[in-house]
Amino acid sequence: MTFRSLNSSDENRLFDYFHHLSPLTKSRFGPHPFDWETIQALCKGEYKDYKCLVGVSPKGCIVAYTVIKKGYLEHEMPRLSKYSITLDAEYDYTLAPSVADDFQSKGIGTLMLDSLFKELARQKARKVVLWGGVQESNEVAVRFYKKHGFVTLGSFLNHGRNLDMMKEL
């Protein structure tokens, strides 16, 4: 498994990745649309605020995808600022990870986060929050994040109850 930045040659692979996600996985992961125009823009690096990483299998298929943004999403700031944490857009990051359905619960997410956290630590990052939180009903994901050192900050309602979670690096 190789983890690397998304690049312009990944358009078709990323399209396949998104369109093979189950409806349930798609309902739990949504930092951006999954349409062709968005995929092209992501692969060309037109989303300047985002860094996109992919996990590529030995066969060349994308099996994991992560969006990272330095700082916080503007629309999440009012909610996050209510918690007893210091927000620092210079050293904090917002993260939206995903793993293809057939590769979930096989250690890919752990490998991806470990690789990402090492890179963020080299950049002197201090904390990471989950982009849009995690759906409380997604018990597997909640356990996964807790296992990797994320703590629950609080909850909010948006198409059900969601948990804001953060990890100190």
Protein backbone atom coordinates (compact mmCIF):
# COMPACT_ATOMS: atom_id res chain seq x y z
CA MET A 1 0.00 0.00 0.00
CA THR A 2 1.31 3.41 -0.98
CA PHE A 3 -0.01 6.70 0.42
CA ARG A 4 0.63 9.77 -1.68
CA SER A 5 -0.80 13.08 -2.82
CA LEU A 6 -3.59 13.00 -5.36
CA ASN A 7 -2.39 14.03 -8.82
CA SER A 8 -3.72 14.75 -12.31
CA SER A 9 -3.31 11.14 -13.47
CA ASP A 10 -5.74 9.95 -10.76
CA GLU A 11 -8.98 11.29 -12.30
CA ASN A 12 -10.35 7.94 -13.53
CA ARG A 13 -9.16 6.03 -10.46
CA LEU A 14 -10.75 8.57 -8.11
CA PHE A 15 -13.98 8.48 -10.13
CA ASP A 16 -14.01 4.67 -9.80
CA TYR A 17 -13.29 4.95 -6.07
CA PHE A 18 -16.20 7.31 -5.42
CA HIS A 19 -18.64 5.47 -7.62
CA HIS A 20 -17.92 2.09 -6.05
CA LEU A 21 -18.60 3.34 -2.53
CA SER A 22 -21.81 1.91 -1.13
CA PRO A 23 -24.75 4.26 -0.57
CA LEU A 24 -24.18 3.89 3.19
CA THR A 25 -20.51 4.90 2.93
CA LYS A 26 -21.40 7.82 0.67
CA SER A 27 -23.98 8.95 3.23
CA ARG A 28 -21.27 9.01 5.91
CA PHE A 29 -18.54 10.76 3.87
CA GLY A 30 -19.25 13.99 2.08
CA PRO A 31 -16.64 16.75 2.21
CA HIS A 32 -17.38 17.58 -1.45
CA PRO A 33 -19.54 16.34 -4.35
CA PHE A 34 -18.54 13.11 -6.11
CA ASP A 35 -19.22 14.41 -9.63
CA TRP A 36 -16.75 14.43 -12.53
CA GLU A 37 -16.17 18.19 -12.42
CA THR A 38 -15.20 18.09 -8.74
CA ILE A 39 -12.94 15.08 -9.32
CA GLN A 40 -11.15 16.90 -12.14
CA ALA A 41 -10.72 20.03 -10.03
CA LEU A 42 -9.37 18.01 -7.08
CA CYS A 43 -6.89 16.11 -9.26
CA LYS A 44 -5.68 19.34 -10.87
CA GLY A 45 -5.17 20.92 -7.45
CA GLU A 46 -7.76 23.62 -8.03
CA TYR A 47 -9.05 23.31 -4.45
CA LYS A 48 -6.15 25.29 -3.03
CA ASP A 49 -7.30 24.93 0.59
CA TYR A 50 -7.41 21.13 0.36
CA LYS A 51 -4.69 18.55 0.35
CA CYS A 52 -5.94 15.23 -0.94
CA LEU A 53 -4.14 11.97 -0.21
CA VAL A 54 -4.86 8.55 -1.65
CA GLY A 55 -4.02 5.04 -0.61
CA VAL A 56 -3.12 3.04 -3.72
CA SER A 57 -3.09 -0.75 -3.77
CA PRO A 58 -0.30 -2.73 -5.47
CA LYS A 59 -2.72 -3.16 -8.41
CA GLY A 60 -2.93 0.64 -8.79
CA CYS A 61 -6.48 1.09 -7.47
CA ILE A 62 -7.36 3.84 -5.03
CA VAL A 63 -8.63 2.14 -1.88
CA ALA A 64 -8.46 5.08 0.56
CA TYR A 65 -8.93 8.81 0.18
CA THR A 66 -8.46 11.67 2.60
CA VAL A 67 -9.08 15.39 2.41
CA ILE A 68 -7.07 17.60 4.77
CA LYS A 69 -7.50 21.31 5.25
CA LYS A 70 -5.21 23.52 7.28
CA GLY A 71 -7.34 25.32 9.83
CA TYR A 72 -11.07 24.97 10.14
CA LEU A 73 -14.12 25.11 7.93
CA GLU A 74 -15.71 28.52 8.30
CA HIS A 75 -19.22 27.15 8.81
CA GLU A 76 -17.97 24.86 11.61
CA MET A 77 -16.19 27.61 13.57
CA PRO A 78 -19.24 28.77 15.60
CA ARG A 79 -19.89 25.20 16.76
CA LEU A 80 -16.25 24.32 17.46
CA SER A 81 -15.61 27.57 19.31
CA LYS A 82 -18.18 26.53 21.95
CA TYR A 83 -15.90 23.75 23.18
CA SER A 84 -13.18 24.26 25.76
CA ILE A 85 -10.36 24.10 23.24
CA THR A 86 -8.08 26.71 21.76
CA LEU A 87 -8.56 26.93 18.01
CA ASP A 88 -5.45 27.84 16.03
CA ALA A 89 -5.89 27.91 12.26
CA GLU A 90 -2.12 28.10 11.81
CA TYR A 91 -1.36 24.77 13.54
CA ASP A 92 -4.65 22.83 13.46
CA TYR A 93 -6.13 20.75 10.65
CA THR A 94 -9.52 19.46 9.57
CA LEU A 95 -9.64 15.89 8.27
CA ALA A 96 -12.10 13.80 6.24
CA PRO A 97 -10.80 10.23 5.76
CA SER A 98 -12.47 7.37 3.90
CA VAL A 99 -11.70 3.78 2.96
CA ALA A 100 -13.34 1.75 0.18
CA ASP A 101 -16.02 -0.62 1.46
CA ASP A 102 -14.12 -3.80 0.50
CA PHE A 103 -11.03 -2.58 2.38
CA GLN A 104 -12.66 -1.40 5.61
CA SER A 105 -11.63 -3.17 8.84
CA LYS A 106 -8.43 -4.45 7.22
CA GLY A 107 -5.96 -1.96 8.72
CA ILE A 108 -5.88 0.45 5.74
CA GLY A 109 -7.38 3.30 7.77
CA THR A 110 -4.81 2.78 10.51
CA LEU A 111 -1.94 2.82 8.02
CA MET A 112 -3.35 5.96 6.41
CA LEU A 113 -3.79 7.84 9.69
CA ASP A 114 -0.36 6.78 10.97
CA SER A 115 1.26 8.08 7.79
CA LEU A 116 -0.76 11.29 7.88
CA PHE A 117 -0.12 12.00 11.57
CA LYS A 118 3.64 11.55 11.10
CA GLU A 119 3.58 14.08 8.25
CA LEU A 120 1.45 16.54 10.23
CA ALA A 121 3.77 16.23 13.23
CA ARG A 122 6.72 17.15 10.97
CA GLN A 123 4.76 20.25 9.99
CA LYS A 124 4.33 21.13 13.70
CA ALA A 125 0.57 20.52 13.62
CA ARG A 126 -1.05 20.54 17.06
CA LYS A 127 -4.47 19.02 16.57
CA VAL A 128 -6.82 17.48 14.03
CA VAL A 129 -10.62 17.69 14.05
CA LEU A 130 -12.98 15.56 11.99
CA TRP A 131 -14.57 17.39 9.07
CA GLY A 132 -18.28 17.55 9.87
CA GLY A 133 -17.80 15.23 12.83
CA VAL A 134 -18.76 11.57 12.68
CA GLN A 135 -22.28 10.21 12.77
CA GLU A 136 -22.94 8.82 16.23
CA SER A 137 -24.78 5.88 14.62
CA ASN A 138 -21.55 4.93 12.82
CA GLU A 139 -20.31 2.94 15.80
CA VAL A 140 -17.45 1.29 13.88
CA ALA A 141 -16.02 4.70 12.91
CA VAL A 142 -16.49 6.14 16.41
CA ARG A 143 -14.56 3.17 17.88
CA PHE A 144 -11.88 3.56 15.18
CA TYR A 145 -11.33 7.24 15.95
CA LYS A 146 -11.24 6.62 19.72
CA LYS A 147 -8.71 3.82 19.17
CA HIS A 148 -6.52 6.35 17.37
CA GLY A 149 -6.63 8.93 20.12
CA PHE A 150 -9.56 11.11 19.10
CA VAL A 151 -11.72 12.43 21.93
CA THR A 152 -15.32 13.55 21.74
CA LEU A 153 -15.76 17.29 22.15
CA GLY A 154 -19.54 17.33 21.97
CA SER A 155 -22.43 16.58 19.66
CA PHE A 156 -24.69 18.36 17.22
CA LEU A 157 -27.70 17.56 15.06
CA ASN A 158 -27.40 17.39 11.28
CA HIS A 159 -29.34 14.55 9.66
CA GLY A 160 -29.07 12.77 13.01
CA ARG A 161 -26.68 13.15 15.94
CA ASN A 162 -23.04 13.75 15.06
CA LEU A 163 -19.98 13.84 17.28
CA ASP A 164 -17.25 16.44 17.01
CA MET A 165 -13.99 14.61 17.62
CA MET A 166 -10.42 15.89 17.93
CA LYS A 167 -6.94 14.42 18.28
CA GLU A 168 -4.00 16.24 19.85
CA LEU A 169 -0.78 15.51 17.99
